[in-house]
Amino acid sequence: MRDVAHAAGVSTATVSRVLSNHPAISPGTRDRVLASVEALSYRPNGVARSLRSETTATIGLVVSNVANPFFAEVARAVEDAAAESGLSVVLGNADESSEREARYLDVMMEKRVDGLVLSPTSGDTRAVREVLSRRVPLVFLDRTLPMFDVPSVSTDPYTGIQELVQHLFDAGHQSAAVISGSKNTVPGRQRLDAFLHAARDKGIRVKREHVVAGGFQQEDGARGMRALLRRPRPLPSVVFVSNNLMTLGALLTLKDAGLTIPGDVAIASYDDSPWFEVLDPPVTAVAQPVRDLGRIAVDLITAVIRGERPESVSLPAHLIVRESSGGAR
């Protein structure tokens, strides 16, 4: 900064005011300082600035699995909304590992992010307790930990799943199987409960042996479908899978087994995906409002950073009907 001030013929205080867009600087002085900044390739020391201001204009985002198209789109939505607020985003991918999640949270606190947006991987609360003990602003996204009084934005799956079950009933399905997500997560439990309750109300049979617990990875869907195929025949006429990556694993398993969709068994997924439309057949899905989730997460964390206590937000899911859930045979 001293070099820039010397080259521009001004004080270091004037350079500081120019770089912080202070209004009390003449256009000529501003242009001269900026020309010196460009000529000397000067970049402010962000660490020093953050120590002085106690802010970094940065938020941390830790998601469960960035390979999941849902979380990839959520991350993009968070980044876009943060940029509009003058914030940068540091992304961490927990890959459904609580240990990896804890490491990312620790690194981001070391980097002095102004706040954290977290999609927790499971019920392991130690890392979250550490974040809260350090008084780092925190917001939950998509998944929550009910034991903590932390603002959150998530999707209420019940309306979308009720729409799905009504569609399956209208298509003639009388029996169903479920490959559920992790029961250690709120979304995993909610999606399973919502489907079982809606199916019972419509008279669609879901036998206990046709409910297979998984995680949220592609291999969990493949493993779940292999388990269902080992059950005594006949298969239920439709399988509901609790997220898009598991749906991909289930579809590949059915293909390897030589079974057709929806001829031998129909498929429906929670979470839409861009590639669902181009598969043969296209996949019916309960879609979440992904862009809204990311935008609201940024609104919530900026409010918490300002010292406010915003209310949690729950958004409705909606059904997209495609050919994979066709009529029962």
C-alpha atoms as a PDB file:
ATOM      1  CA  MET A   1       0.000   0.000   0.000  1.00  0.00           C
ATOM      2  CA  ARG A   2       2.916   2.318   0.709  1.00  0.00           C
ATOM      3  CA  ASP A   3       4.279   1.596  -2.790  1.00  0.00           C
ATOM      4  CA  VAL A   4       0.922   2.453  -4.341  1.00  0.00           C
ATOM      5  CA  ALA A   5       0.685   5.649  -2.282  1.00  0.00           C
ATOM      6  CA  HIS A   6       4.210   6.701  -3.334  1.00  0.00           C
ATOM      7  CA  ALA A   7       3.511   6.010  -7.037  1.00  0.00           C
ATOM      8  CA  ALA A   8       0.224   7.935  -6.923  1.00  0.00           C
ATOM      9  CA  GLY A   9       1.567  10.795  -4.813  1.00  0.00           C
ATOM     10  CA  VAL A  10      -0.977  10.324  -2.034  1.00  0.00           C
ATOM     11  CA  SER A  11      -1.062   9.034   1.542  1.00  0.00           C
ATOM     12  CA  THR A  12      -1.674   5.410   2.493  1.00  0.00           C
ATOM     13  CA  ALA A  13      -4.925   6.582   4.116  1.00  0.00           C
ATOM     14  CA  THR A  14      -6.097   7.868   0.736  1.00  0.00           C
ATOM     15  CA  VAL A  15      -5.226   4.539  -0.901  1.00  0.00           C
ATOM     16  CA  SER A  16      -7.246   2.766   1.783  1.00  0.00           C
ATOM     17  CA  ARG A  17     -10.242   5.041   1.178  1.00  0.00           C
ATOM     18  CA  VAL A  18     -10.099   4.428  -2.578  1.00  0.00           C
ATOM     19  CA  LEU A  19      -9.972   0.663  -2.123  1.00  0.00           C
ATOM     20  CA  SER A  20     -12.935   0.751   0.238  1.00  0.00           C
ATOM     21  CA  ASN A  21     -14.935   2.992  -2.157  1.00  0.00           C
ATOM     22  CA  HIS A  22     -15.092   5.907   0.288  1.00  0.00           C
ATOM     23  CA  PRO A  23     -17.181   8.697  -1.277  1.00  0.00           C
ATOM     24  CA  ALA A  24     -14.923  11.576  -0.106  1.00  0.00           C
ATOM     25  CA  ILE A  25     -12.335  11.010  -2.842  1.00  0.00           C
ATOM     26  CA  SER A  26     -12.104  13.120  -6.001  1.00  0.00           C
ATOM     27  CA  PRO A  27     -12.423  11.302  -9.347  1.00  0.00           C
ATOM     28  CA  GLY A  28      -8.921  12.379 -10.361  1.00  0.00           C
ATOM     29  CA  THR A  29      -7.339  11.010  -7.180  1.00  0.00           C
ATOM     30  CA  ARG A  30      -9.330   7.778  -7.466  1.00  0.00           C
ATOM     31  CA  ASP A  31      -8.207   7.241 -11.073  1.00  0.00           C
ATOM     32  CA  ARG A  32      -4.556   7.944 -10.161  1.00  0.00           C
ATOM     33  CA  VAL A  33      -4.612   5.485  -7.254  1.00  0.00           C
ATOM     34  CA  LEU A  34      -6.344   2.772  -9.281  1.00  0.00           C
ATOM     35  CA  ALA A  35      -3.835   3.213 -12.093  1.00  0.00           C
ATOM     36  CA  SER A  36      -1.005   2.689  -9.593  1.00  0.00           C
ATOM     37  CA  VAL A  37      -2.791  -0.367  -8.160  1.00  0.00           C
ATOM     38  CA  GLU A  38      -3.012  -1.849 -11.655  1.00  0.00           C
ATOM     39  CA  ALA A  39       0.568  -0.988 -12.604  1.00  0.00           C
ATOM     40  CA  LEU A  40       1.988  -2.541  -9.418  1.00  0.00           C
ATOM     41  CA  SER A  41      -0.417  -5.558  -9.455  1.00  0.00           C
ATOM     42  CA  TYR A  42      -1.334  -4.701  -5.872  1.00  0.00           C
ATOM     43  CA  ARG A  43      -3.731  -6.994  -4.033  1.00  0.00           C
ATOM     44  CA  PRO A  44      -4.946  -6.140  -0.518  1.00  0.00           C
ATOM     45  CA  ASN A  45      -3.958  -8.573   2.225  1.00  0.00           C
ATOM     46  CA  GLY A  46      -7.270 -10.245   3.021  1.00  0.00           C
ATOM     47  CA  VAL A  47      -5.997 -11.840   6.213  1.00  0.00           C
ATOM     48  CA  ALA A  48      -4.730  -8.541   7.593  1.00  0.00           C
ATOM     49  CA  ARG A  49      -7.925  -6.803   6.574  1.00  0.00           C
ATOM     50  CA  SER A  50     -10.048  -9.465   8.286  1.00  0.00           C
ATOM     51  CA  LEU A  51      -8.012  -9.160  11.488  1.00  0.00           C
ATOM     52  CA  ARG A  52      -8.647  -5.453  11.537  1.00  0.00           C
ATOM     53  CA  SER A  53     -12.329  -5.540  10.580  1.00  0.00           C
ATOM     54  CA  GLU A  54     -13.112  -8.933  12.187  1.00  0.00           C
ATOM     55  CA  THR A  55     -14.979  -9.897   8.974  1.00  0.00           C
ATOM     56  CA  THR A  56     -13.901 -11.725   5.815  1.00  0.00           C
ATOM     57  CA  ALA A  57     -16.970 -11.234   3.564  1.00  0.00           C
ATOM     58  CA  THR A  58     -16.871 -15.027   3.212  1.00  0.00           C
ATOM     59  CA  ILE A  59     -19.309 -17.768   4.172  1.00  0.00           C
ATOM     60  CA  GLY A  60     -18.581 -21.483   4.381  1.00  0.00           C
ATOM     61  CA  LEU A  61     -20.857 -24.040   2.725  1.00  0.00           C
ATOM     62  CA  VAL A  62     -20.493 -27.712   3.686  1.00  0.00           C
ATOM     63  CA  VAL A  63     -22.735 -30.123   1.775  1.00  0.00           C
ATOM     64  CA  SER A  64     -23.248 -33.845   2.191  1.00  0.00           C
ATOM     65  CA  ASN A  65     -22.210 -34.901  -1.315  1.00  0.00           C
ATOM     66  CA  VAL A  66     -21.281 -32.464  -4.071  1.00  0.00           C
ATOM     67  CA  ALA A  67     -21.462 -35.313  -6.640  1.00  0.00           C
ATOM     68  CA  ASN A  68     -25.217 -35.382  -6.049  1.00  0.00           C
ATOM     69  CA  PRO A  69     -26.834 -33.104  -8.674  1.00  0.00           C
ATOM     70  CA  PHE A  70     -29.152 -31.744  -5.967  1.00  0.00           C
ATOM     71  CA  PHE A  71     -26.255 -30.464  -3.841  1.00  0.00           C
ATOM     72  CA  ALA A  72     -24.322 -29.257  -6.884  1.00  0.00           C
ATOM     73  CA  GLU A  73     -27.292 -27.108  -7.877  1.00  0.00           C
ATOM     74  CA  VAL A  74     -27.789 -25.955  -4.280  1.00  0.00           C
ATOM     75  CA  ALA A  75     -24.127 -24.899  -4.116  1.00  0.00           C
ATOM     76  CA  ARG A  76     -24.519 -22.913  -7.330  1.00  0.00           C
ATOM     77  CA  ALA A  77     -27.648 -21.212  -5.967  1.00  0.00           C
ATOM     78  CA  VAL A  78     -25.858 -20.317  -2.723  1.00  0.00           C
ATOM     79  CA  GLU A  79     -22.896 -18.942  -4.651  1.00  0.00           C
ATOM     80  CA  ASP A  80     -25.113 -16.813  -6.909  1.00  0.00           C
ATOM     81  CA  ALA A  81     -27.088 -15.380  -4.001  1.00  0.00           C
ATOM     82  CA  ALA A  82     -23.921 -14.734  -1.979  1.00  0.00           C
ATOM     83  CA  ALA A  83     -22.312 -12.887  -4.884  1.00  0.00           C
ATOM     84  CA  GLU A  84     -25.317 -10.574  -5.072  1.00  0.00           C
ATOM     85  CA  SER A  85     -24.690  -9.739  -1.397  1.00  0.00           C
ATOM     86  CA  GLY A  86     -20.969  -9.124  -1.935  1.00  0.00           C
ATOM     87  CA  LEU A  87     -19.958 -12.400  -0.282  1.00  0.00           C
ATOM     88  CA  SER A  88     -17.653 -15.198  -1.397  1.00  0.00           C
ATOM     89  CA  VAL A  89     -18.293 -18.893  -0.697  1.00  0.00           C
ATOM     90  CA  VAL A  90     -15.838 -21.569   0.457  1.00  0.00           C
ATOM     91  CA  LEU A  91     -17.203 -25.024  -0.408  1.00  0.00           C
ATOM     92  CA  GLY A  92     -16.587 -28.258   1.490  1.00  0.00           C
ATOM     93  CA  ASN A  93     -17.762 -31.715   0.400  1.00  0.00           C
ATOM     94  CA  ALA A  94     -18.379 -34.044   3.353  1.00  0.00           C
ATOM     95  CA  ASP A  95     -19.084 -37.027   1.078  1.00  0.00           C
ATOM     96  CA  GLU A  96     -21.581 -38.348   3.652  1.00  0.00           C
ATOM     97  CA  SER A  97     -18.756 -38.658   6.227  1.00  0.00           C
ATOM     98  CA  SER A  98     -19.149 -37.052   9.663  1.00  0.00           C
ATOM     99  CA  GLU A  99     -15.354 -37.120  10.134  1.00  0.00           C
ATOM    100  CA  ARG A 100     -14.766 -35.280   6.884  1.00  0.00           C
ATOM    101  CA  GLU A 101     -17.532 -32.839   7.740  1.00  0.00           C
ATOM    102  CA  ALA A 102     -15.848 -32.082  11.083  1.00  0.00           C
ATOM    103  CA  ARG A 103     -12.519 -31.392   9.341  1.00  0.00           C
ATOM    104  CA  TYR A 104     -14.123 -28.959   6.912  1.00  0.00           C
ATOM    105  CA  LEU A 105     -15.929 -27.119   9.694  1.00  0.00           C
ATOM    106  CA  ASP A 106     -12.682 -26.790  11.620  1.00  0.00           C
ATOM    107  CA  VAL A 107     -10.796 -25.494   8.569  1.00  0.00           C
ATOM    108  CA  MET A 108     -13.482 -22.930   7.826  1.00  0.00           C
ATOM    109  CA  MET A 109     -13.459 -21.647  11.387  1.00  0.00           C
ATOM    110  CA  GLU A 110      -9.670 -21.329  11.129  1.00  0.00           C
ATOM    111  CA  LYS A 111     -10.188 -19.270   7.966  1.00  0.00           C
ATOM    112  CA  ARG A 112     -12.512 -17.016   9.971  1.00  0.00           C
ATOM    113  CA  VAL A 113     -15.536 -17.276   7.691  1.00  0.00           C
ATOM    114  CA  ASP A 114     -18.283 -14.911   8.749  1.00  0.00           C
ATOM    115  CA  GLY A 115     -20.851 -17.707   8.893  1.00  0.00           C
ATOM    116  CA  LEU A 116     -21.500 -21.347   8.009  1.00  0.00           C
ATOM    117  CA  VAL A 117     -24.239 -22.987   5.952  1.00  0.00           C
ATOM    118  CA  LEU A 118     -24.301 -26.703   6.723  1.00  0.00           C
ATOM    119  CA  SER A 119     -26.162 -29.731   5.417  1.00  0.00           C
ATOM    120  CA  PRO A 120     -25.287 -32.150   8.241  1.00  0.00           C
ATOM    121  CA  THR A 121     -24.359 -35.696   7.271  1.00  0.00           C
ATOM    122  CA  SER A 122     -25.855 -37.559  10.237  1.00  0.00           C
ATOM    123  CA  GLY A 123     -26.787 -37.369  13.888  1.00  0.00           C
ATOM    124  CA  ASP A 124     -23.168 -36.903  15.038  1.00  0.00           C
ATOM    125  CA  THR A 125     -23.383 -33.548  16.821  1.00  0.00           C
ATOM    126  CA  ARG A 126     -19.844 -32.977  18.122  1.00  0.00           C
ATOM    127  CA  ALA A 127     -18.656 -30.778  15.256  1.00  0.00           C
ATOM    128  CA  VAL A 128     -21.832 -28.689  15.348  1.00  0.00           C
ATOM    129  CA  ARG A 129     -21.506 -28.214  19.099  1.00  0.00           C
ATOM    130  CA  GLU A 130     -17.964 -26.922  18.535  1.00  0.00           C
ATOM    131  CA  VAL A 131     -19.195 -24.423  15.938  1.00  0.00           C
ATOM    132  CA  LEU A 132     -21.879 -23.113  18.272  1.00  0.00           C
ATOM    133  CA  SER A 133     -19.505 -22.974  21.244  1.00  0.00           C
ATOM    134  CA  ARG A 134     -17.287 -20.623  19.231  1.00  0.00           C
ATOM    135  CA  ARG A 135     -20.336 -18.472  18.446  1.00  0.00           C
ATOM    136  CA  VAL A 136     -19.903 -18.851  14.690  1.00  0.00           C
ATOM    137  CA  PRO A 137     -23.169 -17.960  12.890  1.00  0.00           C
ATOM    138  CA  LEU A 138     -24.743 -21.183  11.591  1.00  0.00           C
ATOM    139  CA  VAL A 139     -27.662 -22.158   9.352  1.00  0.00           C
ATOM    140  CA  PHE A 140     -28.835 -25.638   8.363  1.00  0.00           C
ATOM    141  CA  LEU A 141     -29.668 -26.337   4.719  1.00  0.00           C
ATOM    142  CA  ASP A 142     -31.862 -29.245   3.549  1.00  0.00           C
ATOM    143  CA  ARG A 143     -30.996 -31.447   6.540  1.00  0.00           C
ATOM    144  CA  THR A 144     -31.376 -30.403  10.168  1.00  0.00           C
ATOM    145  CA  LEU A 145     -30.428 -31.559  13.649  1.00  0.00           C
ATOM    146  CA  PRO A 146     -33.558 -31.022  15.761  1.00  0.00           C
ATOM    147  CA  MET A 147     -31.651 -30.921  19.060  1.00  0.00           C
ATOM    148  CA  PHE A 148     -30.143 -27.539  18.083  1.00  0.00           C
ATOM    149  CA  ASP A 149     -31.994 -24.227  17.957  1.00  0.00           C
ATOM    150  CA  VAL A 150     -30.475 -23.227  14.614  1.00  0.00           C
ATOM    151  CA  PRO A 151     -32.322 -21.469  11.766  1.00  0.00           C
ATOM    152  CA  SER A 152     -32.817 -23.730   8.770  1.00  0.00           C
ATOM    153  CA  VAL A 153     -34.251 -23.901   5.276  1.00  0.00           C
ATOM    154  CA  SER A 154     -35.534 -27.258   4.097  1.00  0.00           C
ATOM    155  CA  THR A 155     -38.156 -28.931   1.958  1.00  0.00           C
ATOM    156  CA  ASP A 156     -41.334 -30.402   3.384  1.00  0.00           C
ATOM    157  CA  PRO A 157     -41.613 -33.717   1.511  1.00  0.00           C
ATOM    158  CA  TYR A 158     -45.151 -34.595   2.532  1.00  0.00           C
ATOM    159  CA  THR A 159     -47.157 -32.681  -0.090  1.00  0.00           C
ATOM    160  CA  GLY A 160     -44.980 -33.838  -2.990  1.00  0.00           C
ATOM    161  CA  ILE A 161     -45.001 -37.463  -1.820  1.00  0.00           C
ATOM    162  CA  GLN A 162     -48.765 -37.381  -1.322  1.00  0.00           C
ATOM    163  CA  GLU A 163     -49.070 -36.187  -4.936  1.00  0.00           C
ATOM    164  CA  LEU A 164     -46.811 -39.053  -6.007  1.00  0.00           C
ATOM    165  CA  VAL A 165     -48.809 -41.710  -4.143  1.00  0.00           C
ATOM    166  CA  GLN A 166     -52.055 -40.340  -5.590  1.00  0.00           C
ATOM    167  CA  HIS A 167     -50.511 -40.615  -9.066  1.00  0.00           C
ATOM    168  CA  LEU A 168     -49.378 -44.201  -8.385  1.00  0.00           C
ATOM    169  CA  PHE A 169     -52.871 -45.090  -7.125  1.00  0.00           C
ATOM    170  CA  ASP A 170     -54.478 -43.566 -10.221  1.00  0.00           C
ATOM    171  CA  ALA A 171     -52.026 -45.549 -12.395  1.00  0.00           C
ATOM    172  CA  GLY A 172     -53.284 -48.781 -10.840  1.00  0.00           C
ATOM    173  CA  HIS A 173     -50.398 -49.648  -8.505  1.00  0.00           C
ATOM    174  CA  GLN A 174     -51.537 -51.760  -5.563  1.00  0.00           C
ATOM    175  CA  SER A 175     -48.177 -52.693  -4.020  1.00  0.00           C
ATOM    176  CA  ALA A 176     -44.926 -50.784  -3.522  1.00  0.00           C
ATOM    177  CA  ALA A 177     -41.396 -51.128  -2.195  1.00  0.00           C
ATOM    178  CA  VAL A 178     -39.156 -48.416  -0.741  1.00  0.00           C
ATOM    179  CA  ILE A 179     -35.391 -47.951  -0.861  1.00  0.00           C
ATOM    180  CA  SER A 180     -35.057 -45.387   1.911  1.00  0.00           C
ATOM    181  CA  GLY A 181     -32.338 -42.902   2.701  1.00  0.00           C
ATOM    182  CA  SER A 182     -30.304 -42.934   5.874  1.00  0.00           C
ATOM    183  CA  LYS A 183     -32.540 -43.142   8.939  1.00  0.00           C
ATOM    184  CA  ASN A 184     -29.874 -41.136  10.794  1.00  0.00           C
ATOM    185  CA  THR A 185     -30.990 -38.036   8.883  1.00  0.00           C
ATOM    186  CA  VAL A 186     -34.211 -36.077   9.149  1.00  0.00           C
ATOM    187  CA  PRO A 187     -34.884 -36.205   5.357  1.00  0.00           C
ATOM    188  CA  GLY A 188     -34.339 -39.968   5.321  1.00  0.00           C
ATOM    189  CA  ARG A 189     -36.903 -40.530   8.072  1.00  0.00           C
ATOM    190  CA  GLN A 190     -39.373 -37.959   6.737  1.00  0.00           C
ATOM    191  CA  ARG A 191     -39.441 -39.331   3.188  1.00  0.00           C
ATOM    192  CA  LEU A 192     -39.981 -42.885   4.387  1.00  0.00           C
ATOM    193  CA  ASP A 193     -42.704 -41.887   6.852  1.00  0.00           C
ATOM    194  CA  ALA A 194     -44.453 -39.701   4.277  1.00  0.00           C
ATOM    195  CA  PHE A 195     -44.550 -42.492   1.695  1.00  0.00           C
ATOM    196  CA  LEU A 196     -45.710 -45.173   4.140  1.00  0.00           C
ATOM    197  CA  HIS A 197     -48.504 -42.978   5.530  1.00  0.00           C
ATOM    198  CA  ALA A 198     -49.711 -41.864   2.098  1.00  0.00           C
ATOM    199  CA  ALA A 199     -49.586 -45.425   0.740  1.00  0.00           C
ATOM    200  CA  ARG A 200     -51.577 -46.740   3.702  1.00  0.00           C
ATOM    201  CA  ASP A 201     -54.211 -44.054   3.195  1.00  0.00           C
ATOM    202  CA  LYS A 202     -54.596 -45.100  -0.466  1.00  0.00           C
ATOM    203  CA  GLY A 203     -54.558 -48.816   0.203  1.00  0.00           C
ATOM    204  CA  ILE A 204     -51.225 -49.445  -1.546  1.00  0.00           C
ATOM    205  CA  ARG A 205     -49.523 -52.373   0.209  1.00  0.00           C
ATOM    206  CA  VAL A 206     -45.960 -51.910   1.462  1.00  0.00           C
ATOM    207  CA  LYS A 207     -44.773 -55.076   3.183  1.00  0.00           C
ATOM    208  CA  ARG A 208     -42.088 -54.810   5.846  1.00  0.00           C
ATOM    209  CA  GLU A 209     -39.693 -56.951   3.782  1.00  0.00           C
ATOM    210  CA  HIS A 210     -40.119 -54.514   0.893  1.00  0.00           C
ATOM    211  CA  VAL A 211     -38.663 -51.569   2.853  1.00  0.00           C
ATOM    212  CA  VAL A 212     -34.881 -51.521   2.443  1.00  0.00           C
ATOM    213  CA  ALA A 213     -32.757 -49.018   4.377  1.00  0.00           C
ATOM    214  CA  GLY A 214     -29.888 -47.400   2.490  1.00  0.00           C
ATOM    215  CA  GLY A 215     -27.766 -44.276   2.613  1.00  0.00           C
ATOM    216  CA  PHE A 216     -27.821 -41.580  -0.036  1.00  0.00           C
ATOM    217  CA  GLN A 217     -25.122 -42.878  -2.410  1.00  0.00           C
ATOM    218  CA  GLN A 218     -25.491 -44.613  -5.773  1.00  0.00           C
ATOM    219  CA  GLU A 219     -24.247 -47.917  -4.375  1.00  0.00           C
ATOM    220  CA  ASP A 220     -26.912 -47.772  -1.647  1.00  0.00           C
ATOM    221  CA  GLY A 221     -29.583 -47.738  -4.350  1.00  0.00           C
ATOM    222  CA  ALA A 222     -27.949 -50.637  -6.188  1.00  0.00           C
ATOM    223  CA  ARG A 223     -27.589 -52.627  -2.961  1.00  0.00           C
ATOM    224  CA  GLY A 224     -31.198 -51.920  -2.021  1.00  0.00           C
ATOM    225  CA  MET A 225     -32.521 -53.033  -5.399  1.00  0.00           C
ATOM    226  CA  ARG A 226     -30.435 -56.219  -5.294  1.00  0.00           C
ATOM    227  CA  ALA A 227     -31.950 -56.966  -1.886  1.00  0.00           C
ATOM    228  CA  LEU A 228     -35.476 -56.469  -3.249  1.00  0.00           C
ATOM    229  CA  LEU A 229     -34.760 -58.763  -6.212  1.00  0.00           C
ATOM    230  CA  ARG A 230     -33.746 -61.511  -3.783  1.00  0.00           C
ATOM    231  CA  ARG A 231     -37.126 -61.329  -2.047  1.00  0.00           C
ATOM    232  CA  PRO A 232     -39.784 -63.924  -3.010  1.00  0.00           C
ATOM    233  CA  ARG A 233     -41.628 -62.984  -6.194  1.00  0.00           C
ATOM    234  CA  PRO A 234     -43.744 -61.325  -7.378  1.00  0.00           C
ATOM    235  CA  LEU A 235     -42.104 -57.940  -7.012  1.00  0.00           C
ATOM    236  CA  PRO A 236     -44.218 -54.967  -5.924  1.00  0.00           C
ATOM    237  CA  SER A 237     -45.371 -53.096  -9.003  1.00  0.00           C
ATOM    238  CA  VAL A 238     -43.483 -49.876  -8.123  1.00  0.00           C
ATOM    239  CA  VAL A 239     -40.330 -48.952  -6.178  1.00  0.00           C
ATOM    240  CA  PHE A 240     -39.958 -45.533  -4.511  1.00  0.00           C
ATOM    241  CA  VAL A 241     -36.313 -44.483  -4.076  1.00  0.00           C
ATOM    242  CA  SER A 242     -35.411 -41.740  -1.599  1.00  0.00           C
ATOM    243  CA  ASN A 243     -32.938 -39.721  -3.669  1.00  0.00           C
ATOM    244  CA  ASN A 244     -31.632 -39.343  -7.202  1.00  0.00           C
ATOM    245  CA  LEU A 245     -28.211 -40.982  -6.764  1.00  0.00           C
ATOM    246  CA  MET A 246     -29.796 -44.073  -5.247  1.00  0.00           C
ATOM    247  CA  THR A 247     -32.298 -44.071  -8.113  1.00  0.00           C
ATOM    248  CA  LEU A 248     -29.408 -44.266 -10.578  1.00  0.00           C
ATOM    249  CA  GLY A 249     -27.991 -47.286  -8.735  1.00  0.00           C
ATOM    250  CA  ALA A 250     -31.417 -48.952  -8.678  1.00  0.00           C
ATOM    251  CA  LEU A 251     -31.952 -48.350 -12.397  1.00  0.00           C
ATOM    252  CA  LEU A 252     -28.570 -49.842 -13.305  1.00  0.00           C
ATOM    253  CA  THR A 253     -29.320 -52.916 -11.178  1.00  0.00           C
ATOM    254  CA  LEU A 254     -32.658 -53.451 -12.923  1.00  0.00           C
ATOM    255  CA  LYS A 255     -30.945 -53.123 -16.297  1.00  0.00           C
ATOM    256  CA  ASP A 256     -28.299 -55.686 -15.319  1.00  0.00           C
ATOM    257  CA  ALA A 257     -31.108 -58.029 -14.225  1.00  0.00           C
ATOM    258  CA  GLY A 258     -32.789 -57.707 -17.627  1.00  0.00           C
ATOM    259  CA  LEU A 259     -35.938 -56.141 -16.205  1.00  0.00           C
ATOM    260  CA  THR A 260     -37.871 -53.433 -18.030  1.00  0.00           C
ATOM    261  CA  ILE A 261     -39.229 -50.161 -16.643  1.00  0.00           C
ATOM    262  CA  PRO A 262     -42.148 -49.742 -16.132  1.00  0.00           C
ATOM    263  CA  GLY A 263     -43.081 -53.096 -17.698  1.00  0.00           C
ATOM    264  CA  ASP A 264     -41.615 -55.368 -15.021  1.00  0.00           C
ATOM    265  CA  VAL A 265     -41.417 -52.778 -12.262  1.00  0.00           C
ATOM    266  CA  ALA A 266     -42.106 -49.030 -12.130  1.00  0.00           C
ATOM    267  CA  ILE A 267     -39.738 -46.499 -10.526  1.00  0.00           C
ATOM    268  CA  ALA A 268     -40.251 -43.134  -8.842  1.00  0.00           C
ATOM    269  CA  SER A 269     -37.606 -40.962  -7.192  1.00  0.00           C
ATOM    270  CA  TYR A 270     -37.407 -38.289  -4.538  1.00  0.00           C
ATOM    271  CA  ASP A 271     -35.183 -35.484  -5.942  1.00  0.00           C
ATOM    272  CA  ASP A 272     -35.272 -34.634  -9.602  1.00  0.00           C
ATOM    273  CA  SER A 273     -32.157 -34.581 -11.768  1.00  0.00           C
ATOM    274  CA  PRO A 274     -31.334 -33.093 -15.192  1.00  0.00           C
ATOM    275  CA  TRP A 275     -30.570 -36.554 -16.573  1.00  0.00           C
ATOM    276  CA  PHE A 276     -33.934 -37.982 -15.503  1.00  0.00           C
ATOM    277  CA  GLU A 277     -35.536 -36.380 -18.568  1.00  0.00           C
ATOM    278  CA  VAL A 278     -33.168 -38.026 -21.060  1.00  0.00           C
ATOM    279  CA  LEU A 279     -33.255 -41.577 -19.676  1.00  0.00           C
ATOM    280  CA  ASP A 280     -35.364 -44.223 -21.383  1.00  0.00           C
ATOM    281  CA  PRO A 281     -37.901 -44.127 -19.902  1.00  0.00           C
ATOM    282  CA  PRO A 282     -37.753 -40.666 -18.270  1.00  0.00           C
ATOM    283  CA  VAL A 283     -38.003 -40.875 -14.482  1.00  0.00           C
ATOM    284  CA  THR A 284     -40.901 -39.610 -12.373  1.00  0.00           C
ATOM    285  CA  ALA A 285     -39.606 -37.515  -9.466  1.00  0.00           C
ATOM    286  CA  VAL A 286     -40.647 -35.433  -6.485  1.00  0.00           C
ATOM    287  CA  ALA A 287     -38.646 -32.247  -7.063  1.00  0.00           C
ATOM    288  CA  GLN A 288     -37.328 -29.797  -4.494  1.00  0.00           C
ATOM    289  CA  PRO A 289     -37.204 -25.991  -5.098  1.00  0.00           C
ATOM    290  CA  VAL A 290     -33.409 -26.002  -5.260  1.00  0.00           C
ATOM    291  CA  ARG A 291     -32.776 -22.386  -6.303  1.00  0.00           C
ATOM    292  CA  ASP A 292     -35.065 -21.103  -3.548  1.00  0.00           C
ATOM    293  CA  LEU A 293     -33.300 -23.271  -0.965  1.00  0.00           C
ATOM    294  CA  GLY A 294     -29.932 -21.725  -1.837  1.00  0.00           C
ATOM    295  CA  ARG A 295     -31.234 -18.164  -1.946  1.00  0.00           C
ATOM    296  CA  ILE A 296     -33.035 -18.425   1.384  1.00  0.00           C
ATOM    297  CA  ALA A 297     -29.993 -20.065   3.009  1.00  0.00           C
ATOM    298  CA  VAL A 298     -27.950 -16.956   2.158  1.00  0.00           C
ATOM    299  CA  ASP A 299     -30.726 -14.676   3.440  1.00  0.00           C
ATOM    300  CA  LEU A 300     -30.782 -16.586   6.728  1.00  0.00           C
ATOM    301  CA  ILE A 301     -27.016 -16.655   7.289  1.00  0.00           C
ATOM    302  CA  THR A 302     -26.614 -12.937   6.534  1.00  0.00           C
ATOM    303  CA  ALA A 303     -29.379 -12.233   9.054  1.00  0.00           C
ATOM    304  CA  VAL A 304     -27.650 -14.382  11.695  1.00  0.00           C
ATOM    305  CA  ILE A 305     -24.336 -12.620  10.980  1.00  0.00           C
ATOM    306  CA  ARG A 306     -26.089  -9.313  11.662  1.00  0.00           C
ATOM    307  CA  GLY A 307     -27.148 -10.659  15.050  1.00  0.00           C
ATOM    308  CA  GLU A 308     -30.765 -11.382  14.152  1.00  0.00           C
ATOM    309  CA  ARG A 309     -32.764 -14.541  14.953  1.00  0.00           C
ATOM    310  CA  PRO A 310     -34.606 -15.413  11.727  1.00  0.00           C
ATOM    311  CA  GLU A 311     -37.358 -18.018  11.596  1.00  0.00           C
ATOM    312  CA  SER A 312     -36.731 -21.336   9.878  1.00  0.00           C
ATOM    313  CA  VAL A 313     -38.279 -21.809   6.432  1.00  0.00           C
ATOM    314  CA  SER A 314     -39.929 -24.946   5.008  1.00  0.00           C
ATOM    315  CA  LEU A 315     -40.706 -25.097   1.280  1.00  0.00           C
ATOM    316  CA  PRO A 316     -43.057 -27.532  -0.507  1.00  0.00           C
ATOM    317  CA  ALA A 317     -41.856 -30.229  -2.919  1.00  0.00           C
ATOM    318  CA  HIS A 318     -43.797 -30.929  -6.120  1.00  0.00           C
ATOM    319  CA  LEU A 319     -44.364 -33.922  -8.399  1.00  0.00           C
ATOM    320  CA  ILE A 320     -43.040 -34.253 -11.960  1.00  0.00           C
ATOM    321  CA  VAL A 321     -44.738 -37.170 -13.721  1.00  0.00           C
ATOM    322  CA  ARG A 322     -42.782 -39.021 -16.407  1.00  0.00           C
ATOM    323  CA  GLU A 323     -42.971 -42.486 -17.973  1.00  0.00           C
ATOM    324  CA  SER A 324     -41.063 -44.586 -15.388  1.00  0.00           C
ATOM    325  CA  SER A 325     -44.057 -44.728 -13.031  1.00  0.00           C
ATOM    326  CA  GLY A 326     -46.492 -45.980 -15.688  1.00  0.00           C
ATOM    327  CA  GLY A 327     -49.498 -48.169 -15.020  1.00  0.00           C
ATOM    328  CA  ALA A 328     -49.173 -51.422 -13.110  1.00  0.00           C
ATOM    329  CA  ARG A 329     -49.226 -54.791 -14.894  1.00  0.00           C
END
